[in-house]
C-alpha atoms as a PDB file:
ATOM      1  CA  UNK A   1     -10.851 -42.717  81.346  1.00  0.00           C
ATOM      2  CA  UNK A   2      -8.099 -41.956  83.775  1.00  0.00           C
ATOM      3  CA  UNK A   3      -5.427 -43.560  81.451  1.00  0.00           C
ATOM      4  CA  UNK A   4      -6.857 -41.597  78.459  1.00  0.00           C
ATOM      5  CA  UNK A   5      -6.641 -38.437  80.453  1.00  0.00           C
ATOM      6  CA  UNK A   6      -3.058 -39.093  81.538  1.00  0.00           C
ATOM      7  CA  UNK A   7      -2.073 -39.689  77.788  1.00  0.00           C
ATOM      8  CA  UNK A   8      -3.868 -36.359  76.793  1.00  0.00           C
ATOM      9  CA  UNK A   9      -1.948 -34.423  79.345  1.00  0.00           C
ATOM     10  CA  UNK A  10       1.359 -36.150  78.339  1.00  0.00           C
ATOM     11  CA  UNK A  11       0.854 -35.338  74.785  1.00  0.00           C
ATOM     12  CA  UNK A  12      -0.261 -31.872  75.383  1.00  0.00           C
ATOM     13  CA  UNK A  13       2.857 -31.141  77.578  1.00  0.00           C
ATOM     14  CA  UNK A  14       5.237 -32.699  75.011  1.00  0.00           C
ATOM     15  CA  UNK A  15       3.856 -30.988  72.068  1.00  0.00           C
ATOM     16  CA  UNK A  16       3.901 -27.712  73.854  1.00  0.00           C
ATOM     17  CA  UNK A  17       7.625 -27.928  74.408  1.00  0.00           C
ATOM     18  CA  UNK A  18       9.213 -28.535  70.959  1.00  0.00           C
ATOM     19  CA  UNK A  19      12.302 -30.059  72.252  1.00  0.00           C
ATOM     20  CA  UNK A  20      10.268 -32.920  74.045  1.00  0.00           C
ATOM     21  CA  UNK A  21       8.529 -34.034  70.835  1.00  0.00           C
ATOM     22  CA  UNK A  22      11.016 -36.629  69.786  1.00  0.00           C
ATOM     23  CA  UNK A  23      10.775 -38.008  73.401  1.00  0.00           C
ATOM     24  CA  UNK A  24       7.004 -38.134  73.073  1.00  0.00           C
ATOM     25  CA  UNK A  25       7.574 -40.040  69.671  1.00  0.00           C
ATOM     26  CA  UNK A  26       9.983 -42.550  71.209  1.00  0.00           C
ATOM     27  CA  UNK A  27       7.668 -43.161  74.166  1.00  0.00           C
ATOM     28  CA  UNK A  28       4.751 -43.896  71.779  1.00  0.00           C
ATOM     29  CA  UNK A  29       6.878 -46.267  69.690  1.00  0.00           C
ATOM     30  CA  UNK A  30       7.968 -48.127  72.826  1.00  0.00           C
ATOM     31  CA  UNK A  31       4.406 -48.830  73.635  1.00  0.00           C
ATOM     32  CA  UNK A  32       3.389 -49.928  69.911  1.00  0.00           C
ATOM     33  CA  UNK A  33       3.685 -52.794  67.705  1.00  0.00           C
ATOM     34  CA  UNK A  34       5.899 -52.492  64.491  1.00  0.00           C
ATOM     35  CA  UNK A  35       4.138 -53.708  61.367  1.00  0.00           C
ATOM     36  CA  UNK A  36       6.568 -53.000  58.471  1.00  0.00           C
ATOM     37  CA  UNK A  37       7.792 -50.389  56.059  1.00  0.00           C
ATOM     38  CA  UNK A  38       5.350 -48.714  53.583  1.00  0.00           C
ATOM     39  CA  UNK A  39       5.490 -45.936  51.153  1.00  0.00           C
ATOM     40  CA  UNK A  40       2.698 -43.296  51.699  1.00  0.00           C
ATOM     41  CA  UNK A  41       0.321 -44.885  49.262  1.00  0.00           C
ATOM     42  CA  UNK A  42       0.967 -48.341  50.620  1.00  0.00           C
ATOM     43  CA  UNK A  43       0.276 -47.070  54.148  1.00  0.00           C
ATOM     44  CA  UNK A  44      -3.042 -45.477  53.125  1.00  0.00           C
ATOM     45  CA  UNK A  45      -4.198 -48.410  51.160  1.00  0.00           C
ATOM     46  CA  UNK A  46      -3.237 -50.910  54.033  1.00  0.00           C
ATOM     47  CA  UNK A  47      -4.806 -48.768  56.732  1.00  0.00           C
ATOM     48  CA  UNK A  48      -8.133 -48.268  54.856  1.00  0.00           C
ATOM     49  CA  UNK A  49      -8.364 -52.112  54.083  1.00  0.00           C
ATOM     50  CA  UNK A  50      -7.621 -53.153  57.580  1.00  0.00           C
ATOM     51  CA  UNK A  51      -9.759 -50.395  59.419  1.00  0.00           C
ATOM     52  CA  UNK A  52      -6.418 -49.768  61.044  1.00  0.00           C
ATOM     53  CA  UNK A  53      -5.629 -47.696  64.175  1.00  0.00           C
ATOM     54  CA  UNK A  54      -1.920 -46.595  64.721  1.00  0.00           C
ATOM     55  CA  UNK A  55       0.705 -44.330  63.075  1.00  0.00           C
ATOM     56  CA  UNK A  56       3.425 -44.026  60.531  1.00  0.00           C
ATOM     57  CA  UNK A  57       6.847 -42.486  61.121  1.00  0.00           C
ATOM     58  CA  UNK A  58       9.028 -41.145  58.280  1.00  0.00           C
ATOM     59  CA  UNK A  59      12.499 -39.720  59.115  1.00  0.00           C
ATOM     60  CA  UNK A  60      14.921 -37.808  56.700  1.00  0.00           C
ATOM     61  CA  UNK A  61      18.012 -36.182  57.946  1.00  0.00           C
ATOM     62  CA  UNK A  62      16.593 -33.907  60.801  1.00  0.00           C
ATOM     63  CA  UNK A  63      12.952 -33.997  59.698  1.00  0.00           C
ATOM     64  CA  UNK A  64      10.435 -36.270  61.263  1.00  0.00           C
ATOM     65  CA  UNK A  65       6.882 -36.769  59.946  1.00  0.00           C
ATOM     66  CA  UNK A  66       4.206 -38.676  62.010  1.00  0.00           C
ATOM     67  CA  UNK A  67       0.885 -39.719  60.515  1.00  0.00           C
ATOM     68  CA  UNK A  68      -1.850 -40.879  62.896  1.00  0.00           C
ATOM     69  CA  UNK A  69      -4.350 -43.357  61.638  1.00  0.00           C
ATOM     70  CA  UNK A  70      -7.849 -43.793  63.214  1.00  0.00           C
ATOM     71  CA  UNK A  71     -10.352 -46.327  61.758  1.00  0.00           C
ATOM     72  CA  UNK A  72      -8.195 -46.580  58.594  1.00  0.00           C
ATOM     73  CA  UNK A  73      -8.188 -42.784  57.920  1.00  0.00           C
ATOM     74  CA  UNK A  74      -5.365 -40.387  58.428  1.00  0.00           C
ATOM     75  CA  UNK A  75      -6.783 -38.184  61.269  1.00  0.00           C
ATOM     76  CA  UNK A  76      -3.636 -36.433  62.710  1.00  0.00           C
ATOM     77  CA  UNK A  77      -0.226 -35.249  61.419  1.00  0.00           C
ATOM     78  CA  UNK A  78       3.058 -33.910  62.997  1.00  0.00           C
ATOM     79  CA  UNK A  79       6.082 -32.527  61.244  1.00  0.00           C
ATOM     80  CA  UNK A  80       9.225 -31.679  63.004  1.00  0.00           C
ATOM     81  CA  UNK A  81      12.560 -30.177  61.732  1.00  0.00           C
ATOM     82  CA  UNK A  82      15.365 -28.090  63.000  1.00  0.00           C
ATOM     83  CA  UNK A  83      13.123 -24.808  62.653  1.00  0.00           C
ATOM     84  CA  UNK A  84      10.328 -26.198  64.819  1.00  0.00           C
ATOM     85  CA  UNK A  85       7.099 -28.151  64.559  1.00  0.00           C
ATOM     86  CA  UNK A  86       3.891 -28.004  62.574  1.00  0.00           C
ATOM     87  CA  UNK A  87       0.514 -29.789  63.316  1.00  0.00           C
ATOM     88  CA  UNK A  88      -2.400 -30.956  61.479  1.00  0.00           C
ATOM     89  CA  UNK A  89      -3.235 -29.447  58.070  1.00  0.00           C
ATOM     90  CA  UNK A  90       0.031 -27.467  58.198  1.00  0.00           C
ATOM     91  CA  UNK A  91       1.926 -30.599  58.709  1.00  0.00           C
ATOM     92  CA  UNK A  92       0.105 -32.470  55.883  1.00  0.00           C
ATOM     93  CA  UNK A  93       1.150 -29.860  53.351  1.00  0.00           C
ATOM     94  CA  UNK A  94       4.772 -30.928  53.972  1.00  0.00           C
ATOM     95  CA  UNK A  95       4.230 -34.322  52.536  1.00  0.00           C
ATOM     96  CA  UNK A  96       6.016 -35.007  49.123  1.00  0.00           C
ATOM     97  CA  UNK A  97       4.503 -38.435  48.535  1.00  0.00           C
ATOM     98  CA  UNK A  98       7.819 -40.112  48.315  1.00  0.00           C
ATOM     99  CA  UNK A  99       8.289 -40.711  51.921  1.00  0.00           C
ATOM    100  CA  UNK A 100       8.771 -44.272  53.314  1.00  0.00           C
ATOM    101  CA  UNK A 101       6.968 -44.832  56.700  1.00  0.00           C
ATOM    102  CA  UNK A 102       7.545 -47.217  59.526  1.00  0.00           C
ATOM    103  CA  UNK A 103       4.092 -48.289  60.443  1.00  0.00           C
ATOM    104  CA  UNK A 104       3.046 -49.239  64.135  1.00  0.00           C
ATOM    105  CA  UNK A 105      -0.157 -50.399  65.634  1.00  0.00           C
ATOM    106  CA  UNK A 106      -1.048 -48.490  68.878  1.00  0.00           C
ATOM    107  CA  UNK A 107      -3.614 -48.508  71.492  1.00  0.00           C
ATOM    108  CA  UNK A 108      -6.743 -46.314  70.623  1.00  0.00           C
ATOM    109  CA  UNK A 109      -6.271 -44.090  73.792  1.00  0.00           C
ATOM    110  CA  UNK A 110      -2.770 -43.186  72.655  1.00  0.00           C
ATOM    111  CA  UNK A 111      -3.715 -42.296  69.116  1.00  0.00           C
ATOM    112  CA  UNK A 112      -6.906 -40.364  70.306  1.00  0.00           C
ATOM    113  CA  UNK A 113      -4.791 -38.295  72.618  1.00  0.00           C
ATOM    114  CA  UNK A 114      -2.268 -37.624  69.771  1.00  0.00           C
ATOM    115  CA  UNK A 115      -4.996 -36.724  67.153  1.00  0.00           C
ATOM    116  CA  UNK A 116      -6.711 -34.372  69.741  1.00  0.00           C
ATOM    117  CA  UNK A 117      -3.638 -32.163  69.498  1.00  0.00           C
ATOM    118  CA  UNK A 118      -2.777 -32.432  65.773  1.00  0.00           C
ATOM    119  CA  UNK A 119      -6.041 -33.136  63.853  1.00  0.00           C
ATOM    120  CA  UNK A 120      -6.269 -33.032  60.102  1.00  0.00           C
ATOM    121  CA  UNK A 121      -9.360 -31.278  58.668  1.00  0.00           C
ATOM    122  CA  UNK A 122      -8.276 -31.080  54.933  1.00  0.00           C
ATOM    123  CA  UNK A 123      -7.167 -34.447  53.392  1.00  0.00           C
ATOM    124  CA  UNK A 124      -7.240 -33.346  49.751  1.00  0.00           C
ATOM    125  CA  UNK A 125      -3.526 -33.242  49.846  1.00  0.00           C
ATOM    126  CA  UNK A 126      -3.461 -36.995  50.572  1.00  0.00           C
ATOM    127  CA  UNK A 127      -4.223 -38.910  47.327  1.00  0.00           C
ATOM    128  CA  UNK A 128      -4.653 -42.594  46.869  1.00  0.00           C
ATOM    129  CA  UNK A 129      -4.274 -44.525  43.628  1.00  0.00           C
ATOM    130  CA  UNK A 130      -7.016 -46.973  42.446  1.00  0.00           C
ATOM    131  CA  UNK A 131      -7.923 -49.413  39.627  1.00  0.00           C
ATOM    132  CA  UNK A 132      -9.166 -46.565  37.478  1.00  0.00           C
ATOM    133  CA  UNK A 133      -5.704 -45.185  37.457  1.00  0.00           C
ATOM    134  CA  UNK A 134      -3.926 -48.156  36.090  1.00  0.00           C
ATOM    135  CA  UNK A 135      -2.144 -47.119  32.839  1.00  0.00           C
ATOM    136  CA  UNK A 136      -3.076 -49.093  29.858  1.00  0.00           C
ATOM    137  CA  UNK A 137      -0.455 -50.772  27.887  1.00  0.00           C
ATOM    138  CA  UNK A 138      -0.984 -50.365  24.170  1.00  0.00           C
ATOM    139  CA  UNK A 139      -0.855 -54.104  23.155  1.00  0.00           C
ATOM    140  CA  UNK A 140      -3.407 -53.935  20.380  1.00  0.00           C
ATOM    141  CA  UNK A 141      -5.634 -56.349  22.452  1.00  0.00           C
ATOM    142  CA  UNK A 142      -8.353 -55.482  24.943  1.00  0.00           C
ATOM    143  CA  UNK A 143      -7.234 -55.748  28.527  1.00  0.00           C
ATOM    144  CA  UNK A 144      -9.436 -57.547  31.011  1.00  0.00           C
ATOM    145  CA  UNK A 145      -9.500 -57.845  34.765  1.00  0.00           C
ATOM    146  CA  UNK A 146      -8.032 -61.009  36.163  1.00  0.00           C
ATOM    147  CA  UNK A 147      -7.051 -62.310  39.642  1.00  0.00           C
ATOM    148  CA  UNK A 148      -3.321 -62.448  40.581  1.00  0.00           C
ATOM    149  CA  UNK A 149      -2.551 -64.749  43.453  1.00  0.00           C
ATOM    150  CA  UNK A 150       0.896 -64.911  44.937  1.00  0.00           C
ATOM    151  CA  UNK A 151       2.299 -67.449  47.399  1.00  0.00           C
ATOM    152  CA  UNK A 152       5.257 -66.206  49.309  1.00  0.00           C
ATOM    153  CA  UNK A 153       7.767 -68.866  50.549  1.00  0.00           C
ATOM    154  CA  UNK A 154      11.251 -69.072  52.070  1.00  0.00           C
ATOM    155  CA  UNK A 155      12.851 -72.239  51.098  1.00  0.00           C
ATOM    156  CA  UNK A 156       9.472 -73.644  50.102  1.00  0.00           C
ATOM    157  CA  UNK A 157       7.984 -72.894  53.478  1.00  0.00           C
ATOM    158  CA  UNK A 158       5.019 -70.419  53.387  1.00  0.00           C
ATOM    159  CA  UNK A 159       5.699 -67.052  54.894  1.00  0.00           C
ATOM    160  CA  UNK A 160       2.785 -65.428  56.835  1.00  0.00           C
ATOM    161  CA  UNK A 161       2.232 -61.829  57.667  1.00  0.00           C
ATOM    162  CA  UNK A 162       4.473 -60.135  55.180  1.00  0.00           C
ATOM    163  CA  UNK A 163       3.189 -57.098  53.199  1.00  0.00           C
ATOM    164  CA  UNK A 164       2.861 -57.421  49.501  1.00  0.00           C
ATOM    165  CA  UNK A 165       2.219 -54.469  47.186  1.00  0.00           C
ATOM    166  CA  UNK A 166       1.514 -54.392  43.498  1.00  0.00           C
ATOM    167  CA  UNK A 167       2.926 -51.350  41.597  1.00  0.00           C
ATOM    168  CA  UNK A 168       2.770 -49.891  38.098  1.00  0.00           C
ATOM    169  CA  UNK A 169       5.797 -47.632  37.814  1.00  0.00           C
ATOM    170  CA  UNK A 170       5.562 -45.355  40.793  1.00  0.00           C
ATOM    171  CA  UNK A 171       1.811 -45.993  41.504  1.00  0.00           C
ATOM    172  CA  UNK A 172       0.839 -48.381  44.127  1.00  0.00           C
ATOM    173  CA  UNK A 173      -2.322 -50.125  43.000  1.00  0.00           C
ATOM    174  CA  UNK A 174      -2.972 -52.589  45.857  1.00  0.00           C
ATOM    175  CA  UNK A 175      -1.540 -53.885  49.110  1.00  0.00           C
ATOM    176  CA  UNK A 176      -2.159 -57.014  51.265  1.00  0.00           C
ATOM    177  CA  UNK A 177      -0.800 -59.171  53.987  1.00  0.00           C
ATOM    178  CA  UNK A 178      -0.038 -62.808  53.310  1.00  0.00           C
ATOM    179  CA  UNK A 179      -2.218 -65.510  54.985  1.00  0.00           C
ATOM    180  CA  UNK A 180      -0.967 -68.365  57.119  1.00  0.00           C
ATOM    181  CA  UNK A 181      -0.483 -70.264  53.895  1.00  0.00           C
ATOM    182  CA  UNK A 182       1.557 -67.246  52.519  1.00  0.00           C
ATOM    183  CA  UNK A 183      -0.987 -66.274  49.911  1.00  0.00           C
ATOM    184  CA  UNK A 184      -2.089 -62.785  48.924  1.00  0.00           C
ATOM    185  CA  UNK A 185      -4.460 -62.234  45.967  1.00  0.00           C
ATOM    186  CA  UNK A 186      -5.283 -59.059  43.957  1.00  0.00           C
ATOM    187  CA  UNK A 187      -7.873 -58.112  41.314  1.00  0.00           C
ATOM    188  CA  UNK A 188      -6.153 -56.303  38.505  1.00  0.00           C
ATOM    189  CA  UNK A 189      -6.049 -55.486  34.738  1.00  0.00           C
ATOM    190  CA  UNK A 190      -3.913 -58.078  32.975  1.00  0.00           C
ATOM    191  CA  UNK A 191      -0.356 -56.701  32.405  1.00  0.00           C
ATOM    192  CA  UNK A 192       3.085 -56.432  33.729  1.00  0.00           C
ATOM    193  CA  UNK A 193       3.501 -55.322  37.359  1.00  0.00           C
ATOM    194  CA  UNK A 194       6.167 -54.959  40.010  1.00  0.00           C
ATOM    195  CA  UNK A 195       5.578 -56.909  43.181  1.00  0.00           C
ATOM    196  CA  UNK A 196       7.126 -55.527  46.326  1.00  0.00           C
ATOM    197  CA  UNK A 197       7.415 -57.717  49.322  1.00  0.00           C
ATOM    198  CA  UNK A 198       8.263 -56.229  52.824  1.00  0.00           C
ATOM    199  CA  UNK A 199       9.336 -58.517  55.336  1.00  0.00           C
ATOM    200  CA  UNK A 200       8.946 -58.248  59.130  1.00  0.00           C
ATOM    201  CA  UNK A 201      12.537 -56.875  59.492  1.00  0.00           C
ATOM    202  CA  UNK A 202      11.588 -54.098  56.948  1.00  0.00           C
ATOM    203  CA  UNK A 203      13.725 -55.531  54.123  1.00  0.00           C
ATOM    204  CA  UNK A 204      12.337 -55.406  50.580  1.00  0.00           C
ATOM    205  CA  UNK A 205      12.260 -57.798  47.708  1.00  0.00           C
ATOM    206  CA  UNK A 206      11.114 -56.898  44.344  1.00  0.00           C
ATOM    207  CA  UNK A 207       9.930 -59.221  41.471  1.00  0.00           C
ATOM    208  CA  UNK A 208       8.342 -58.631  37.996  1.00  0.00           C
ATOM    209  CA  UNK A 209       5.011 -60.349  37.504  1.00  0.00           C
ATOM    210  CA  UNK A 210       3.313 -60.618  34.041  1.00  0.00           C
ATOM    211  CA  UNK A 211      -0.100 -62.192  33.763  1.00  0.00           C
ATOM    212  CA  UNK A 212      -2.668 -62.374  30.930  1.00  0.00           C
ATOM    213  CA  UNK A 213      -5.108 -64.890  32.079  1.00  0.00           C
ATOM    214  CA  UNK A 214      -8.423 -64.707  34.102  1.00  0.00           C
ATOM    215  CA  UNK A 215      -6.494 -66.146  37.000  1.00  0.00           C
ATOM    216  CA  UNK A 216      -2.695 -66.428  37.557  1.00  0.00           C
ATOM    217  CA  UNK A 217      -1.007 -68.177  40.338  1.00  0.00           C
ATOM    218  CA  UNK A 218       2.741 -67.502  41.101  1.00  0.00           C
ATOM    219  CA  UNK A 219       5.179 -68.780  43.873  1.00  0.00           C
ATOM    220  CA  UNK A 220       7.588 -66.215  45.039  1.00  0.00           C
ATOM    221  CA  UNK A 221      10.796 -67.255  46.953  1.00  0.00           C
ATOM    222  CA  UNK A 222      11.885 -64.257  48.985  1.00  0.00           C
ATOM    223  CA  UNK A 223      15.354 -65.834  49.162  1.00  0.00           C
ATOM    224  CA  UNK A 224      15.745 -65.783  45.425  1.00  0.00           C
ATOM    225  CA  UNK A 225      13.550 -65.059  42.630  1.00  0.00           C
ATOM    226  CA  UNK A 226       9.975 -65.814  41.366  1.00  0.00           C
ATOM    227  CA  UNK A 227      10.435 -69.452  40.367  1.00  0.00           C
ATOM    228  CA  UNK A 228       7.131 -70.892  39.558  1.00  0.00           C
ATOM    229  CA  UNK A 229       3.986 -69.693  37.965  1.00  0.00           C
ATOM    230  CA  UNK A 230       0.810 -71.305  36.455  1.00  0.00           C
END
């Protein structure tokens, strides 16, 4: 309780004085665990699937956007630029949808203290894609749902804990984190997709995956190309 109150007072003081907001963000980052880089849609999908608690930071020039996540849902938002700061719903309305976020896992008392000062009440501006939004390719044959399983390797060694997202154009359809054996599986309509892999360093690799079977297995070498499928 004492620690929670200290954090709430700290957040209140820093958010009251706009010049201290960047100092507050830096302090929160120092006490948090970096998980990777995500687009807005990827962040929302990942957070919801993991019942996640933490925050995302997006920086462009002199603007900074912070999205606080509680129980997998966006509960707080903070926007800072040269003109000042916006909190909660006013901050959310600054989202363009093309932002890239650094995602961090943080202690609940830190996130709760942050959300108490910049809570979001209207989430209608934040939209997530889903299976129903998958564009249908006119191939003359009926599409069916299949399972796409990817095994991520580095020089034939399985890579655990990297983020894998499946995209159709600009739409993020699904995200997952590889298991200890390097695997990530997705339930999708048969078709051609872009697979984006985000390493622990934040680097991205992109591959095209085309599958038409009920179940498709592919091995992806993050040091090269997609080199085996079955």
